[in-house]
Amino acid sequence: MPEFDWRSPESYKSLQGAEITDIASECLRRNVDYRREYEAMIANNPSGEVTTEFRRRWGICFRP
C-alpha cells in the first residue's frame, strides 16, 4: 500500500466531486478529540443516540 502524501494532488483526486459535508465528515473522523468524545458518549448512552449537547459542541447534525 503506497504511503499517503498530503502534498501530492494525486492523494486528493477522490475529493474532487465531494460535497462540503463529505469533507467536513472526513475532518471530524480524523479528529482524535471528536472520536474520543463520540465513543464515550455512545458507551454512556444505552440507546446509542447522539445527544443534543454533543451535536451542539461539534456543530453537526446527523442524518437519520
N, C-alpha and C. Protein backbone atom coordinates (compact mmCIF):
# COMPACT_ATOMS: atom_id res chain seq x y z
N MET A 1 0.84 -1.18 0.00
CA MET A 1 0.00 0.00 0.00
C MET A 1 0.89 1.25 0.00
N PRO A 2 0.67 2.15 -0.95
CA PRO A 2 1.51 3.35 -1.01
C PRO A 2 1.23 4.28 0.17
N GLU A 3 2.27 4.99 0.57
CA GLU A 3 2.14 5.93 1.68
C GLU A 3 1.40 7.18 1.20
N PHE A 4 0.52 7.71 2.06
CA PHE A 4 -0.24 8.91 1.73
C PHE A 4 0.68 10.12 1.80
N ASP A 5 0.67 10.91 0.74
CA ASP A 5 1.48 12.13 0.69
C ASP A 5 0.53 13.32 0.60
N TRP A 6 0.37 14.04 1.71
CA TRP A 6 -0.59 15.14 1.76
C TRP A 6 -0.26 16.26 0.80
N ARG A 7 0.97 16.30 0.31
CA ARG A 7 1.39 17.36 -0.63
C ARG A 7 1.09 17.02 -2.08
N SER A 8 0.75 15.79 -2.34
CA SER A 8 0.53 15.34 -3.70
C SER A 8 -0.92 15.54 -4.14
N PRO A 9 -1.14 16.21 -5.26
CA PRO A 9 -2.50 16.37 -5.78
C PRO A 9 -3.18 15.02 -6.06
N GLU A 10 -2.39 14.01 -6.37
CA GLU A 10 -2.94 12.68 -6.64
C GLU A 10 -3.65 12.10 -5.41
N SER A 11 -3.20 12.48 -4.23
CA SER A 11 -3.78 11.96 -3.00
C SER A 11 -5.19 12.48 -2.76
N TYR A 12 -5.57 13.53 -3.46
CA TYR A 12 -6.87 14.16 -3.20
C TYR A 12 -7.85 14.03 -4.36
N LYS A 13 -7.51 13.23 -5.35
CA LYS A 13 -8.40 13.07 -6.50
C LYS A 13 -9.79 12.58 -6.10
N SER A 14 -9.86 11.74 -5.09
CA SER A 14 -11.16 11.21 -4.67
C SER A 14 -12.06 12.29 -4.09
N LEU A 15 -11.51 13.43 -3.72
CA LEU A 15 -12.31 14.51 -3.14
C LEU A 15 -12.81 15.51 -4.18
N GLN A 16 -12.42 15.35 -5.41
CA GLN A 16 -12.80 16.33 -6.42
C GLN A 16 -14.31 16.49 -6.55
N GLY A 17 -15.07 15.44 -6.45
CA GLY A 17 -16.52 15.51 -6.57
C GLY A 17 -17.23 15.55 -5.23
N ALA A 18 -16.48 15.64 -4.16
CA ALA A 18 -17.06 15.59 -2.82
C ALA A 18 -17.81 16.87 -2.49
N GLU A 19 -18.88 16.70 -1.72
CA GLU A 19 -19.61 17.86 -1.21
C GLU A 19 -18.94 18.31 0.08
N ILE A 20 -19.25 19.54 0.48
CA ILE A 20 -18.63 20.11 1.68
C ILE A 20 -18.93 19.26 2.92
N THR A 21 -20.11 18.67 2.98
CA THR A 21 -20.45 17.83 4.14
C THR A 21 -19.58 16.58 4.19
N ASP A 22 -19.21 16.05 3.02
CA ASP A 22 -18.32 14.89 2.99
C ASP A 22 -16.93 15.25 3.50
N ILE A 23 -16.46 16.42 3.11
CA ILE A 23 -15.14 16.87 3.56
C ILE A 23 -15.16 17.15 5.06
N ALA A 24 -16.22 17.79 5.54
CA ALA A 24 -16.34 18.06 6.97
C ALA A 24 -16.39 16.77 7.77
N SER A 25 -17.12 15.78 7.28
CA SER A 25 -17.21 14.48 7.97
C SER A 25 -15.84 13.82 8.03
N GLU A 26 -15.09 13.91 6.96
CA GLU A 26 -13.75 13.32 6.94
C GLU A 26 -12.83 14.00 7.93
N CYS A 27 -12.93 15.32 8.03
CA CYS A 27 -12.11 16.06 9.00
C CYS A 27 -12.46 15.64 10.43
N LEU A 28 -13.74 15.52 10.72
CA LEU A 28 -14.15 15.08 12.06
C LEU A 28 -13.68 13.67 12.34
N ARG A 29 -13.81 12.80 11.36
CA ARG A 29 -13.41 11.41 11.53
C ARG A 29 -11.94 11.30 11.92
N ARG A 30 -11.14 12.22 11.45
CA ARG A 30 -9.71 12.20 11.75
C ARG A 30 -9.35 12.94 13.05
N ASN A 31 -10.31 13.62 13.64
CA ASN A 31 -10.07 14.41 14.85
C ASN A 31 -10.08 13.49 16.07
N VAL A 32 -8.95 13.40 16.74
CA VAL A 32 -8.80 12.49 17.88
C VAL A 32 -9.78 12.86 19.01
N ASP A 33 -9.93 14.14 19.30
CA ASP A 33 -10.84 14.57 20.38
C ASP A 33 -12.29 14.21 20.05
N TYR A 34 -12.69 14.44 18.81
CA TYR A 34 -14.04 14.09 18.39
C TYR A 34 -14.28 12.60 18.54
N ARG A 35 -13.37 11.78 18.05
CA ARG A 35 -13.54 10.33 18.13
C ARG A 35 -13.63 9.86 19.57
N ARG A 36 -12.78 10.42 20.43
CA ARG A 36 -12.79 10.04 21.84
C ARG A 36 -14.13 10.41 22.49
N GLU A 37 -14.60 11.63 22.25
CA GLU A 37 -15.86 12.07 22.84
C GLU A 37 -17.05 11.29 22.28
N TYR A 38 -17.01 10.98 20.99
CA TYR A 38 -18.09 10.22 20.37
C TYR A 38 -18.17 8.82 20.99
N GLU A 39 -17.04 8.15 21.11
CA GLU A 39 -17.02 6.80 21.70
C GLU A 39 -17.51 6.82 23.14
N ALA A 40 -17.09 7.83 23.92
CA ALA A 40 -17.53 7.93 25.31
C ALA A 40 -19.02 8.19 25.38
N MET A 41 -19.54 9.05 24.52
CA MET A 41 -20.96 9.36 24.53
C MET A 41 -21.78 8.11 24.19
N ILE A 42 -21.40 7.39 23.17
CA ILE A 42 -22.12 6.19 22.77
C ILE A 42 -22.04 5.13 23.86
N ALA A 43 -20.89 4.99 24.49
CA ALA A 43 -20.72 4.00 25.56
C ALA A 43 -21.60 4.31 26.76
N ASN A 44 -21.86 5.59 27.00
CA ASN A 44 -22.66 6.00 28.14
C ASN A 44 -24.13 6.21 27.82
N ASN A 45 -24.53 5.92 26.60
CA ASN A 45 -25.90 6.14 26.17
C ASN A 45 -26.47 4.82 25.66
N PRO A 46 -27.27 4.13 26.48
CA PRO A 46 -27.77 2.80 26.10
C PRO A 46 -28.54 2.76 24.77
N SER A 47 -29.20 3.86 24.43
CA SER A 47 -29.98 3.87 23.19
C SER A 47 -29.08 4.06 21.97
N GLY A 48 -27.84 4.50 22.18
CA GLY A 48 -26.92 4.73 21.08
C GLY A 48 -27.19 6.02 20.32
N GLU A 49 -28.09 6.84 20.84
CA GLU A 49 -28.41 8.10 20.17
C GLU A 49 -27.36 9.16 20.46
N VAL A 50 -27.17 10.01 19.48
CA VAL A 50 -26.26 11.13 19.64
C VAL A 50 -26.99 12.23 20.40
N THR A 51 -26.37 12.74 21.44
CA THR A 51 -27.04 13.73 22.28
C THR A 51 -27.03 15.12 21.65
N THR A 52 -27.99 15.92 22.07
CA THR A 52 -28.08 17.30 21.60
C THR A 52 -26.83 18.07 22.01
N GLU A 53 -26.36 17.83 23.21
CA GLU A 53 -25.15 18.50 23.70
C GLU A 53 -23.95 18.20 22.80
N PHE A 54 -23.80 16.95 22.41
CA PHE A 54 -22.70 16.56 21.53
C PHE A 54 -22.83 17.25 20.18
N ARG A 55 -24.02 17.26 19.64
CA ARG A 55 -24.25 17.91 18.35
C ARG A 55 -23.89 19.39 18.41
N ARG A 56 -24.32 20.05 19.47
CA ARG A 56 -24.03 21.48 19.61
C ARG A 56 -22.54 21.72 19.79
N ARG A 57 -21.91 20.89 20.60
CA ARG A 57 -20.48 21.07 20.87
C ARG A 57 -19.66 21.00 19.58
N TRP A 58 -20.01 20.06 18.70
CA TRP A 58 -19.24 19.85 17.48
C TRP A 58 -19.85 20.55 16.26
N GLY A 59 -21.00 21.19 16.43
CA GLY A 59 -21.61 21.93 15.34
C GLY A 59 -22.06 21.06 14.19
N ILE A 60 -22.63 19.92 14.53
CA ILE A 60 -23.03 18.97 13.49
C ILE A 60 -24.46 18.50 13.69
N CYS A 61 -24.99 17.91 12.65
CA CYS A 61 -26.24 17.17 12.80
C CYS A 61 -26.09 15.88 12.02
N PHE A 62 -26.66 14.83 12.55
CA PHE A 62 -26.52 13.52 11.95
C PHE A 62 -27.72 13.20 11.10
N ARG A 63 -27.47 12.53 10.00
CA ARG A 63 -28.56 12.08 9.15
C ARG A 63 -29.32 10.97 9.87
N PRO A 64 -30.63 10.95 9.69
CA PRO A 64 -31.42 9.88 10.33
C PRO A 64 -31.05 8.50 9.80
